Amino acid sequence: MKNVFAIILPMLAVLLTGCVGVMPVPPSRNQPACGKVITRDEVAFIVPGQTTRAEVVAKLGVNYRDAQPVKALAYSWETPATGWAWGILIVLPTGGIVGGNHHENSHWRAFFMEFDSGDRVRRTGFAHLAARKSLDEQLENWALQRTAHPFAEFIETGGGIFNPDDGVPRMFENLKPSLADN
């Protein structure tokens, strides 16, 4: 009986093992940025209280988002970032379960400006935008200086680990079992 366990246990270990792999994927250098990237050097001409909205639009262009009723606008852009890919293989005596997916990350940024009643720049700021909120909402919140606590944002988005709608870990969302025929 001891010999049977010595043979069966290693065979079960081989048959019932699984493998999960996660690998970072570098951003594609050939992929262009979406929108026009605004740098600090490009906005150095802006002097709060002096620079007008017309001067800003003349230098930075008309590809912006306007917020009403607050007097603010945003130039936004998105650049590729490091993503990740994952795969899983579970071998069973009746077949196997195979799955995997990839997730492409990006950096969504914006340059916000608020104007006074005379259409002069009141204040400016660069922002890292949240993927689960619209540009309009984030611009309005910035203009009205409404911000959530950073931990509240982490909970609201599931921290990027869990789907906030159903609580399922993101790495298992697209896992589809495929049983091999014997």
Protein backbone atom coordinates (compact mmCIF):
# COMPACT_ATOMS: atom_id res chain seq x y z
CA MET A 1 0.00 0.00 0.00
CA LYS A 2 2.91 2.32 0.74
CA ASN A 3 4.20 1.82 -2.80
CA VAL A 4 0.82 2.74 -4.28
CA PHE A 5 0.84 6.10 -2.47
CA ALA A 6 4.46 6.65 -3.54
CA ILE A 7 3.36 6.30 -7.18
CA ILE A 8 -0.09 7.91 -7.09
CA LEU A 9 0.76 11.04 -5.08
CA PRO A 10 3.46 12.32 -7.48
CA MET A 11 1.18 11.53 -10.43
CA LEU A 12 -1.66 13.52 -8.83
CA ALA A 13 0.70 16.39 -8.09
CA VAL A 14 1.73 16.51 -11.76
CA LEU A 15 -1.84 16.22 -13.05
CA LEU A 16 -3.40 18.74 -10.65
CA THR A 17 -0.80 21.46 -10.87
CA GLY A 18 -1.43 24.81 -12.38
CA CYS A 19 0.65 27.69 -13.50
CA VAL A 20 -0.12 31.40 -13.36
CA GLY A 21 2.20 33.85 -15.02
CA VAL A 22 2.18 37.64 -14.94
CA MET A 23 4.51 39.65 -17.11
CA PRO A 24 4.96 43.41 -17.55
CA VAL A 25 4.55 44.62 -21.12
CA PRO A 26 6.49 47.74 -22.12
CA PRO A 27 4.62 50.52 -23.92
CA SER A 28 4.78 50.64 -27.67
CA ARG A 29 7.17 53.39 -28.75
CA ASN A 30 5.48 53.60 -32.16
CA GLN A 31 2.07 54.38 -30.68
CA PRO A 32 1.44 58.13 -30.84
CA ALA A 33 0.02 60.08 -27.93
CA CYS A 34 -3.66 60.91 -28.12
CA GLY A 35 -4.07 64.67 -27.98
CA LYS A 36 -1.28 67.21 -27.82
CA VAL A 37 1.12 66.78 -24.91
CA ILE A 38 1.48 70.07 -23.05
CA THR A 39 4.80 70.68 -21.28
CA ARG A 40 5.71 73.13 -18.54
CA ASP A 41 7.90 75.03 -21.00
CA GLU A 42 4.94 75.53 -23.35
CA VAL A 43 2.83 77.12 -20.60
CA ALA A 44 5.61 79.24 -19.09
CA PHE A 45 4.16 82.30 -20.86
CA ILE A 46 1.00 82.15 -18.70
CA VAL A 47 0.98 84.73 -15.92
CA PRO A 48 -2.07 84.55 -13.63
CA GLY A 49 -4.00 87.81 -13.62
CA GLN A 50 -2.39 88.98 -16.89
CA THR A 51 -2.65 86.32 -19.62
CA THR A 52 -6.00 86.23 -21.40
CA ARG A 53 -7.97 83.27 -22.62
CA ALA A 54 -7.48 84.43 -26.23
CA GLU A 55 -3.68 84.42 -25.78
CA VAL A 56 -3.77 80.91 -24.33
CA VAL A 57 -5.92 79.57 -27.18
CA ALA A 58 -3.72 81.32 -29.77
CA LYS A 59 -0.58 79.59 -28.40
CA LEU A 60 -1.91 76.19 -27.33
CA GLY A 61 -4.63 75.66 -29.98
CA VAL A 62 -8.34 75.02 -30.05
CA ASN A 63 -8.28 71.35 -29.06
CA TYR A 64 -9.53 71.91 -25.51
CA ARG A 65 -12.54 71.08 -23.37
CA ASP A 66 -14.58 73.96 -21.96
CA ALA A 67 -16.43 73.76 -18.63
CA GLN A 68 -19.61 75.68 -17.95
CA PRO A 69 -20.94 77.32 -15.77
CA VAL A 70 -17.46 77.53 -14.20
CA LYS A 71 -14.99 79.42 -16.37
CA ALA A 72 -12.35 76.78 -16.95
CA LEU A 73 -10.83 74.77 -19.77
CA ALA A 74 -8.64 71.71 -20.11
CA TYR A 75 -6.15 70.42 -22.64
CA SER A 76 -5.91 66.65 -22.23
CA TRP A 77 -3.70 63.93 -23.69
CA GLU A 78 -2.98 60.27 -23.23
CA THR A 79 0.35 58.50 -23.63
CA PRO A 80 1.08 54.77 -23.51
CA ALA A 81 2.46 53.22 -20.34
CA THR A 82 3.65 49.83 -19.16
CA GLY A 83 0.86 47.26 -19.10
CA TRP A 84 0.73 43.66 -18.01
CA ALA A 85 -0.24 40.29 -19.42
CA TRP A 86 -1.22 37.19 -17.52
CA GLY A 87 -2.01 33.58 -18.24
CA ILE A 88 -3.16 30.55 -16.32
CA LEU A 89 -2.92 26.85 -17.09
CA ILE A 90 -4.47 24.21 -14.87
CA VAL A 91 -4.06 20.61 -15.92
CA LEU A 92 -6.71 18.17 -14.74
CA PRO A 93 -7.18 14.47 -15.52
CA THR A 94 -10.31 15.33 -17.57
CA GLY A 95 -8.72 18.19 -19.48
CA GLY A 96 -7.33 21.59 -18.79
CA ILE A 97 -8.33 25.13 -18.05
CA VAL A 98 -6.50 27.78 -20.00
CA GLY A 99 -7.02 31.51 -19.82
CA GLY A 100 -5.30 34.82 -19.98
CA ASN A 101 -5.56 38.41 -21.00
CA HIS A 102 -3.60 41.59 -21.24
CA HIS A 103 -4.18 45.06 -19.87
CA GLU A 104 -2.75 48.13 -21.54
CA ASN A 105 -2.11 51.04 -19.24
CA SER A 106 -1.89 54.65 -20.24
CA HIS A 107 -1.14 57.97 -18.67
CA TRP A 108 -4.11 60.31 -19.04
CA ARG A 109 -3.06 63.85 -18.19
CA ALA A 110 -4.47 67.35 -18.50
CA PHE A 111 -3.54 70.98 -18.13
CA PHE A 112 -6.36 72.88 -16.40
CA MET A 113 -6.95 76.64 -16.43
CA GLU A 114 -9.48 78.73 -14.56
CA PHE A 115 -10.43 82.24 -15.71
CA ASP A 116 -11.80 85.28 -13.90
CA SER A 117 -14.74 87.39 -15.05
CA GLY A 118 -12.43 89.39 -17.37
CA ASP A 119 -11.24 86.17 -19.12
CA ARG A 120 -7.78 86.40 -17.55
CA VAL A 121 -6.12 83.27 -16.20
CA ARG A 122 -6.81 82.96 -12.49
CA ARG A 123 -4.88 79.72 -11.86
CA THR A 124 -3.47 76.72 -13.70
CA GLY A 125 -2.49 73.17 -12.89
CA PHE A 126 -1.37 69.87 -14.37
CA ALA A 127 -3.50 66.87 -13.40
CA HIS A 128 -3.30 63.09 -13.52
CA LEU A 129 -6.79 62.06 -14.60
CA ALA A 130 -8.79 59.13 -13.23
CA ALA A 131 -9.98 56.65 -15.85
CA ARG A 132 -13.39 56.12 -14.25
CA LYS A 133 -14.40 59.80 -14.33
CA SER A 134 -15.04 62.03 -17.31
CA LEU A 135 -12.75 64.90 -18.22
CA ASP A 136 -15.68 67.29 -17.71
CA GLU A 137 -16.30 66.04 -14.16
CA GLN A 138 -12.63 66.24 -13.22
CA LEU A 139 -12.27 69.72 -14.72
CA GLU A 140 -15.35 70.96 -12.86
CA ASN A 141 -14.14 69.41 -9.59
CA TRP A 142 -10.74 71.07 -10.06
CA ALA A 143 -12.33 74.44 -10.86
CA LEU A 144 -14.58 74.21 -7.82
CA GLN A 145 -11.69 72.79 -5.77
CA ARG A 146 -13.66 69.67 -4.82
CA THR A 147 -11.39 66.73 -4.29
CA ALA A 148 -11.98 63.36 -2.76
CA HIS A 149 -9.69 61.84 -0.21
CA PRO A 150 -7.05 59.70 -2.04
CA PHE A 151 -8.18 56.57 -0.19
CA ALA A 152 -11.77 57.20 -1.32
CA GLU A 153 -10.57 57.23 -4.95
CA PHE A 154 -8.70 53.95 -4.34
CA ILE A 155 -11.86 52.32 -2.93
CA GLU A 156 -14.08 53.75 -5.70
CA THR A 157 -11.91 52.32 -8.48
CA GLY A 158 -11.15 49.02 -6.77
CA GLY A 159 -7.52 50.06 -6.60
CA GLY A 160 -7.06 48.73 -10.12
CA ILE A 161 -7.08 45.22 -8.63
CA PHE A 162 -10.80 44.54 -8.27
CA ASN A 163 -13.66 45.43 -10.59
CA PRO A 164 -15.63 47.97 -8.52
CA ASP A 165 -18.92 46.90 -10.14
CA ASP A 166 -18.86 43.24 -9.08
CA GLY A 167 -15.79 42.87 -6.83
CA VAL A 168 -14.19 40.20 -9.03
CA PRO A 169 -10.39 40.40 -9.25
CA ARG A 170 -9.56 41.88 -12.67
CA MET A 171 -7.18 39.03 -13.52
CA PHE A 172 -10.11 36.56 -13.41
CA GLU A 173 -12.65 38.63 -15.35
CA ASN A 174 -11.80 37.14 -18.73
CA LEU A 175 -10.90 33.66 -17.58
CA LYS A 176 -12.88 31.18 -19.63
CA PRO A 177 -12.47 27.49 -18.97
CA SER A 178 -11.83 25.30 -21.98
CA LEU A 179 -12.02 21.62 -21.26
CA ALA A 180 -10.04 19.47 -23.65
CA ASP A 181 -11.83 16.44 -25.05
CA ASN A 182 -10.36 13.11 -24.06
